Amino acid sequence: MDILWQDRKRILGMPISFTKYTLTPRLVTQQKGLFTTVHDQVQLFRITDVRVVRTLWQKPFGCGTLILFSSDQSHPQFHIHWIKDPLKIKDMIMDQVALERRRNRVISNDMLLQGAEGLEECPEPDGDVDAAGEGE
């Protein structure tokens, strides 16, 4: 599978940790650990929003943390800690999310709500209707 982006969690700006992040056209994955390795992933079409957090300690090194909000039950928030160029990576992820949603024909609730604004009210039924919903 094509790797679009890959990085490691950085310590003081240097990629010397045992946490590795990968972005492919369909997934964001995290592999962490030395003796026990844990692999986690989120499918891109499930991502609903991305937040960039840059602390005072991260800014001098050009690093930041991404928080991916998703509809995935096991990872509603997927954290990508201490990566280089977080704003650029956020844009890259959001572009891939849009492509993957189109490919999978996924429509988000935001789109449904925006589309519903133009709908007309349903007309009232003719005749009197009692509390049980039955006519006269």
N, C-alpha and C. Protein backbone atom coordinates (compact mmCIF):
# COMPACT_ATOMS: atom_id res chain seq x y z
N MET A 1 0.85 -1.18 0.00
CA MET A 1 0.00 0.00 0.00
C MET A 1 0.89 1.25 0.00
N ASP A 2 0.46 2.27 -0.70
CA ASP A 2 1.24 3.51 -0.80
C ASP A 2 1.29 4.22 0.55
N ILE A 3 2.45 4.67 0.92
CA ILE A 3 2.61 5.46 2.15
C ILE A 3 2.70 6.92 1.73
N LEU A 4 1.72 7.73 2.18
CA LEU A 4 1.69 9.14 1.84
C LEU A 4 2.52 9.98 2.80
N TRP A 5 2.59 9.54 4.05
CA TRP A 5 3.35 10.25 5.08
C TRP A 5 3.73 9.27 6.17
N GLN A 6 4.89 9.51 6.77
CA GLN A 6 5.37 8.65 7.84
C GLN A 6 6.25 9.49 8.75
N ASP A 7 6.12 9.31 10.05
CA ASP A 7 6.94 10.05 11.00
C ASP A 7 6.97 9.26 12.31
N ARG A 8 7.85 9.68 13.17
CA ARG A 8 7.93 9.11 14.52
C ARG A 8 7.59 10.20 15.53
N LYS A 9 7.13 9.78 16.69
CA LYS A 9 6.96 10.71 17.79
C LYS A 9 8.34 11.25 18.12
N ARG A 10 8.40 12.56 18.28
CA ARG A 10 9.71 13.20 18.48
C ARG A 10 9.92 13.56 19.94
N ILE A 11 11.17 13.46 20.35
CA ILE A 11 11.59 13.88 21.69
C ILE A 11 12.58 15.01 21.47
N LEU A 12 12.22 16.21 21.94
CA LEU A 12 13.01 17.42 21.72
C LEU A 12 13.29 17.62 20.22
N GLY A 13 12.29 17.33 19.41
CA GLY A 13 12.39 17.55 17.98
C GLY A 13 13.09 16.45 17.20
N MET A 14 13.61 15.43 17.88
CA MET A 14 14.33 14.36 17.20
C MET A 14 13.51 13.08 17.21
N PRO A 15 13.42 12.38 16.07
CA PRO A 15 12.60 11.17 15.98
C PRO A 15 13.28 9.94 16.58
N ILE A 16 13.37 9.90 17.92
CA ILE A 16 14.10 8.80 18.56
C ILE A 16 13.21 7.94 19.44
N SER A 17 11.90 8.00 19.27
CA SER A 17 11.00 7.20 20.09
C SER A 17 10.62 5.91 19.36
N PHE A 18 9.86 5.06 20.04
CA PHE A 18 9.40 3.81 19.46
C PHE A 18 7.94 3.89 19.04
N THR A 19 7.48 5.12 18.74
CA THR A 19 6.13 5.32 18.24
C THR A 19 6.23 5.83 16.81
N LYS A 20 5.58 5.11 15.90
CA LYS A 20 5.66 5.42 14.47
C LYS A 20 4.25 5.65 13.93
N TYR A 21 4.06 6.72 13.15
CA TYR A 21 2.77 7.05 12.55
C TYR A 21 2.89 6.93 11.03
N THR A 22 1.81 6.44 10.40
CA THR A 22 1.78 6.28 8.95
C THR A 22 0.42 6.69 8.41
N LEU A 23 0.44 7.40 7.29
CA LEU A 23 -0.78 7.76 6.57
C LEU A 23 -0.74 7.08 5.21
N THR A 24 -1.77 6.28 4.92
CA THR A 24 -1.93 5.66 3.61
C THR A 24 -3.21 6.23 3.00
N PRO A 25 -3.53 5.89 1.76
CA PRO A 25 -4.76 6.44 1.17
C PRO A 25 -6.04 6.03 1.90
N ARG A 26 -5.99 5.01 2.76
CA ARG A 26 -7.20 4.55 3.44
C ARG A 26 -7.14 4.57 4.96
N LEU A 27 -5.94 4.63 5.55
CA LEU A 27 -5.79 4.48 7.00
C LEU A 27 -4.78 5.44 7.59
N VAL A 28 -4.97 5.74 8.88
CA VAL A 28 -3.93 6.35 9.70
C VAL A 28 -3.58 5.28 10.73
N THR A 29 -2.31 4.94 10.82
CA THR A 29 -1.90 3.89 11.75
C THR A 29 -0.88 4.42 12.75
N GLN A 30 -0.86 3.75 13.89
CA GLN A 30 0.10 4.06 14.95
C GLN A 30 0.68 2.73 15.42
N GLN A 31 2.00 2.68 15.48
CA GLN A 31 2.70 1.51 16.00
C GLN A 31 3.58 2.00 17.13
N LYS A 32 3.38 1.44 18.32
CA LYS A 32 4.20 1.91 19.44
C LYS A 32 4.67 0.74 20.29
N GLY A 33 5.84 0.94 20.88
CA GLY A 33 6.40 -0.06 21.76
C GLY A 33 7.68 -0.66 21.23
N LEU A 34 8.49 -1.17 22.16
CA LEU A 34 9.74 -1.84 21.79
C LEU A 34 9.62 -3.34 22.05
N PHE A 35 9.36 -3.72 23.27
CA PHE A 35 9.24 -5.14 23.61
C PHE A 35 7.85 -5.68 23.28
N THR A 36 6.84 -4.89 23.61
CA THR A 36 5.46 -5.21 23.23
C THR A 36 5.01 -4.13 22.26
N THR A 37 4.68 -4.52 21.06
CA THR A 37 4.30 -3.56 20.03
C THR A 37 2.78 -3.58 19.87
N VAL A 38 2.18 -2.39 19.88
CA VAL A 38 0.74 -2.23 19.72
C VAL A 38 0.49 -1.48 18.41
N HIS A 39 -0.38 -2.02 17.57
CA HIS A 39 -0.77 -1.39 16.31
C HIS A 39 -2.22 -0.92 16.44
N ASP A 40 -2.46 0.36 16.15
CA ASP A 40 -3.81 0.91 16.13
C ASP A 40 -4.00 1.59 14.78
N GLN A 41 -5.26 1.65 14.35
CA GLN A 41 -5.55 2.31 13.08
C GLN A 41 -6.95 2.89 13.10
N VAL A 42 -7.13 3.91 12.25
CA VAL A 42 -8.44 4.52 12.03
C VAL A 42 -8.63 4.64 10.53
N GLN A 43 -9.77 4.20 10.04
CA GLN A 43 -10.07 4.35 8.62
C GLN A 43 -10.38 5.81 8.35
N LEU A 44 -9.84 6.34 7.27
CA LEU A 44 -9.96 7.77 6.98
C LEU A 44 -11.39 8.24 6.83
N PHE A 45 -12.26 7.43 6.23
CA PHE A 45 -13.63 7.90 6.02
C PHE A 45 -14.39 8.07 7.32
N ARG A 46 -13.87 7.50 8.42
CA ARG A 46 -14.51 7.65 9.74
C ARG A 46 -14.09 8.95 10.46
N ILE A 47 -13.06 9.61 9.99
CA ILE A 47 -12.58 10.83 10.65
C ILE A 47 -13.55 11.97 10.36
N THR A 48 -13.98 12.65 11.43
CA THR A 48 -14.94 13.74 11.29
C THR A 48 -14.30 15.11 11.46
N ASP A 49 -13.21 15.19 12.22
CA ASP A 49 -12.56 16.48 12.44
C ASP A 49 -11.12 16.24 12.91
N VAL A 50 -10.28 17.26 12.73
CA VAL A 50 -8.89 17.18 13.17
C VAL A 50 -8.55 18.46 13.92
N ARG A 51 -7.93 18.31 15.08
CA ARG A 51 -7.49 19.45 15.89
C ARG A 51 -5.97 19.43 15.97
N VAL A 52 -5.36 20.60 15.85
CA VAL A 52 -3.92 20.75 16.00
C VAL A 52 -3.65 21.45 17.33
N VAL A 53 -2.79 20.85 18.14
CA VAL A 53 -2.40 21.44 19.43
C VAL A 53 -0.89 21.62 19.41
N ARG A 54 -0.45 22.85 19.65
CA ARG A 54 0.99 23.14 19.70
C ARG A 54 1.29 23.81 21.03
N THR A 55 1.97 23.11 21.91
CA THR A 55 2.29 23.66 23.23
C THR A 55 3.53 24.55 23.14
N LEU A 56 3.78 25.26 24.20
CA LEU A 56 4.96 26.11 24.26
C LEU A 56 6.24 25.30 24.06
N TRP A 57 6.26 24.05 24.54
CA TRP A 57 7.45 23.20 24.41
C TRP A 57 7.60 22.64 23.00
N GLN A 58 6.50 22.53 22.26
CA GLN A 58 6.56 21.98 20.91
C GLN A 58 6.93 23.02 19.86
N LYS A 59 6.52 24.26 20.06
CA LYS A 59 6.72 25.31 19.05
C LYS A 59 8.17 25.53 18.64
N PRO A 60 9.15 25.59 19.55
CA PRO A 60 10.54 25.82 19.12
C PRO A 60 11.08 24.73 18.21
N PHE A 61 10.51 23.53 18.29
CA PHE A 61 10.98 22.40 17.49
C PHE A 61 10.16 22.21 16.21
N GLY A 62 9.15 23.07 15.99
CA GLY A 62 8.30 22.94 14.81
C GLY A 62 7.38 21.74 14.88
N CYS A 63 7.07 21.31 16.10
CA CYS A 63 6.26 20.11 16.31
C CYS A 63 4.88 20.46 16.85
N GLY A 64 4.03 19.47 16.89
CA GLY A 64 2.69 19.62 17.44
C GLY A 64 2.02 18.27 17.56
N THR A 65 0.80 18.29 18.06
CA THR A 65 0.01 17.09 18.25
C THR A 65 -1.28 17.22 17.46
N LEU A 66 -1.66 16.17 16.75
CA LEU A 66 -2.94 16.12 16.05
C LEU A 66 -3.89 15.25 16.85
N ILE A 67 -5.13 15.69 16.96
CA ILE A 67 -6.18 14.88 17.56
C ILE A 67 -7.21 14.64 16.47
N LEU A 68 -7.36 13.38 16.08
CA LEU A 68 -8.32 13.00 15.05
C LEU A 68 -9.60 12.54 15.74
N PHE A 69 -10.70 13.21 15.46
CA PHE A 69 -12.00 12.83 16.01
C PHE A 69 -12.66 11.93 14.98
N SER A 70 -13.14 10.77 15.43
CA SER A 70 -13.70 9.82 14.47
C SER A 70 -14.96 9.15 15.02
N SER A 71 -15.67 8.49 14.12
CA SER A 71 -16.85 7.72 14.50
C SER A 71 -16.47 6.29 14.84
N ASP A 72 -15.19 5.99 14.90
CA ASP A 72 -14.70 4.67 15.25
C ASP A 72 -14.97 4.41 16.74
N GLN A 73 -15.59 3.29 17.06
CA GLN A 73 -15.95 2.97 18.44
C GLN A 73 -14.73 2.78 19.34
N SER A 74 -13.68 2.17 18.81
CA SER A 74 -12.50 1.90 19.64
C SER A 74 -11.57 3.10 19.76
N HIS A 75 -11.66 4.07 18.82
CA HIS A 75 -10.80 5.25 18.85
C HIS A 75 -11.58 6.51 18.50
N PRO A 76 -12.45 6.99 19.40
CA PRO A 76 -13.16 8.23 19.08
C PRO A 76 -12.22 9.43 18.99
N GLN A 77 -11.10 9.37 19.71
CA GLN A 77 -10.05 10.37 19.59
C GLN A 77 -8.72 9.64 19.38
N PHE A 78 -8.09 9.90 18.26
CA PHE A 78 -6.84 9.25 17.90
C PHE A 78 -5.75 10.31 17.96
N HIS A 79 -4.80 10.20 18.88
CA HIS A 79 -3.77 11.21 19.09
C HIS A 79 -2.49 10.86 18.33
N ILE A 80 -1.97 11.85 17.64
CA ILE A 80 -0.68 11.73 16.94
C ILE A 80 0.23 12.78 17.59
N HIS A 81 1.08 12.31 18.51
CA HIS A 81 1.87 13.20 19.36
C HIS A 81 3.19 13.62 18.73
N TRP A 82 3.59 14.86 18.99
CA TRP A 82 4.92 15.38 18.71
C TRP A 82 5.39 15.05 17.29
N ILE A 83 4.68 15.55 16.29
CA ILE A 83 5.11 15.34 14.91
C ILE A 83 5.56 16.66 14.30
N LYS A 84 6.38 16.57 13.29
CA LYS A 84 6.90 17.73 12.57
C LYS A 84 5.82 18.27 11.63
N ASP A 85 5.73 19.58 11.47
CA ASP A 85 4.80 20.25 10.55
C ASP A 85 3.35 19.79 10.74
N PRO A 86 2.77 19.94 11.92
CA PRO A 86 1.42 19.42 12.16
C PRO A 86 0.34 20.06 11.30
N LEU A 87 0.47 21.35 10.96
CA LEU A 87 -0.56 22.00 10.13
C LEU A 87 -0.56 21.42 8.71
N LYS A 88 0.61 21.16 8.17
CA LYS A 88 0.73 20.57 6.84
C LYS A 88 0.15 19.15 6.84
N ILE A 89 0.42 18.38 7.88
CA ILE A 89 -0.08 17.01 7.99
C ILE A 89 -1.59 17.00 8.17
N LYS A 90 -2.12 17.98 8.93
CA LYS A 90 -3.57 18.09 9.12
C LYS A 90 -4.25 18.29 7.77
N ASP A 91 -3.73 19.20 6.95
CA ASP A 91 -4.30 19.45 5.63
C ASP A 91 -4.22 18.20 4.75
N MET A 92 -3.11 17.49 4.82
CA MET A 92 -2.94 16.27 4.04
C MET A 92 -3.97 15.22 4.46
N ILE A 93 -4.17 15.07 5.76
CA ILE A 93 -5.15 14.10 6.27
C ILE A 93 -6.56 14.49 5.84
N MET A 94 -6.91 15.77 5.96
CA MET A 94 -8.26 16.20 5.59
C MET A 94 -8.52 16.02 4.09
N ASP A 95 -7.51 16.24 3.25
CA ASP A 95 -7.66 16.00 1.82
C ASP A 95 -7.92 14.51 1.55
N GLN A 96 -7.17 13.66 2.22
CA GLN A 96 -7.35 12.21 2.04
C GLN A 96 -8.70 11.74 2.59
N VAL A 97 -9.15 12.36 3.69
CA VAL A 97 -10.47 12.04 4.25
C VAL A 97 -11.56 12.34 3.22
N ALA A 98 -11.48 13.51 2.59
CA ALA A 98 -12.48 13.88 1.58
C ALA A 98 -12.47 12.91 0.41
N LEU A 99 -11.29 12.52 -0.06
CA LEU A 99 -11.19 11.56 -1.16
C LEU A 99 -11.78 10.20 -0.77
N GLU A 100 -11.46 9.76 0.42
CA GLU A 100 -11.93 8.44 0.88
C GLU A 100 -13.44 8.44 1.12
N ARG A 101 -13.98 9.56 1.62
CA ARG A 101 -15.44 9.66 1.80
C ARG A 101 -16.15 9.59 0.45
N ARG A 102 -15.61 10.28 -0.55
CA ARG A 102 -16.21 10.22 -1.89
C ARG A 102 -16.12 8.81 -2.47
N ARG A 103 -14.97 8.16 -2.27
CA ARG A 103 -14.78 6.81 -2.79
C ARG A 103 -15.76 5.82 -2.15
N ASN A 104 -16.01 5.99 -0.85
CA ASN A 104 -16.91 5.10 -0.12
C ASN A 104 -18.36 5.59 -0.09
N ARG A 105 -18.61 6.74 -0.73
CA ARG A 105 -19.94 7.34 -0.77
C ARG A 105 -20.50 7.57 0.63
N VAL A 106 -19.67 8.13 1.50
CA VAL A 106 -20.06 8.42 2.87
C VAL A 106 -20.54 9.87 2.95
N ILE A 107 -21.69 10.07 3.57
CA ILE A 107 -22.23 11.42 3.76
C ILE A 107 -22.27 11.67 5.26
N SER A 108 -21.72 12.80 5.69
CA SER A 108 -21.71 13.10 7.12
C SER A 108 -23.00 13.77 7.54
N ASN A 109 -23.25 13.81 8.83
CA ASN A 109 -24.45 14.45 9.37
C ASN A 109 -24.48 15.94 9.05
N ASP A 110 -23.32 16.59 8.99
CA ASP A 110 -23.27 18.01 8.65
C ASP A 110 -23.87 18.25 7.28
N MET A 111 -23.54 17.39 6.32
CA MET A 111 -24.08 17.55 4.97
C MET A 111 -25.58 17.31 4.96
N LEU A 112 -26.04 16.34 5.75
CA LEU A 112 -27.47 16.07 5.82
C LEU A 112 -28.22 17.25 6.42
N LEU A 113 -27.63 17.85 7.46
CA LEU A 113 -28.28 19.00 8.10
C LEU A 113 -28.31 20.20 7.17
N GLN A 114 -27.23 20.44 6.42
CA GLN A 114 -27.20 21.55 5.48
C GLN A 114 -28.22 21.35 4.37
N GLY A 115 -28.37 20.12 3.91
CA GLY A 115 -29.34 19.82 2.86
C GLY A 115 -30.77 19.95 3.36
N ALA A 116 -31.01 19.72 4.64
CA ALA A 116 -32.36 19.77 5.19
C ALA A 116 -32.85 21.20 5.38
N GLU A 117 -31.95 22.19 5.37
CA GLU A 117 -32.37 23.58 5.58
C GLU A 117 -33.28 24.06 4.46
N GLY A 118 -33.12 23.54 3.26
CA GLY A 118 -33.92 23.99 2.13
C GLY A 118 -35.26 23.28 2.00
N LEU A 119 -35.53 22.29 2.86
CA LEU A 119 -36.77 21.54 2.76
C LEU A 119 -37.94 22.36 3.30
N GLU A 120 -39.11 22.19 2.69
CA GLU A 120 -40.31 22.88 3.15
C GLU A 120 -40.94 22.09 4.28
N GLU A 121 -41.74 22.78 5.07
CA GLU A 121 -42.46 22.13 6.16
C GLU A 121 -43.48 21.16 5.57
N CYS A 122 -43.76 20.07 6.26
CA CYS A 122 -44.78 19.13 5.82
C CYS A 122 -46.15 19.76 6.03
N PRO A 123 -47.06 19.63 5.07
CA PRO A 123 -48.38 20.22 5.23
C PRO A 123 -49.18 19.47 6.30
N GLU A 124 -50.06 20.19 6.95
CA GLU A 124 -50.93 19.59 7.97
C GLU A 124 -51.94 18.69 7.28
N PRO A 125 -52.34 17.58 7.91
CA PRO A 125 -53.35 16.72 7.31
C PRO A 125 -54.70 17.40 7.32
N ASP A 126 -55.57 17.04 6.36
CA ASP A 126 -56.91 17.59 6.29
C ASP A 126 -57.76 16.99 7.40
N GLY A 127 -58.66 17.79 7.91
CA GLY A 127 -59.58 17.32 8.94
C GLY A 127 -58.95 17.42 10.31
N ASP A 128 -59.76 17.19 11.31
CA ASP A 128 -59.31 17.23 12.69
C ASP A 128 -58.66 15.90 13.04
N VAL A 129 -57.54 15.98 13.77
CA VAL A 129 -56.84 14.79 14.21
C VAL A 129 -56.75 14.84 15.71
N ASP A 130 -57.17 13.74 16.39
CA ASP A 130 -57.10 13.72 17.85
C ASP A 130 -55.71 13.29 18.31
N ALA A 131 -55.52 13.19 19.60
CA ALA A 131 -54.21 12.88 20.18
C ALA A 131 -53.67 11.51 19.73
N ALA A 132 -54.57 10.58 19.37
CA ALA A 132 -54.12 9.26 18.94
C ALA A 132 -53.72 9.26 17.48
N GLY A 133 -53.88 10.40 16.78
CA GLY A 133 -53.47 10.48 15.39
C GLY A 133 -54.56 9.99 14.45
N GLU A 134 -55.78 9.79 14.98
CA GLU A 134 -56.88 9.32 14.14
C GLU A 134 -57.76 10.48 13.74
N GLY A 135 -58.35 10.39 12.58
CA GLY A 135 -59.24 11.44 12.08
C GLY A 135 -60.59 11.40 12.77
N GLU A 136 -61.51 12.26 12.32
CA GLU A 136 -62.84 12.36 12.93
C GLU A 136 -63.60 11.09 12.87
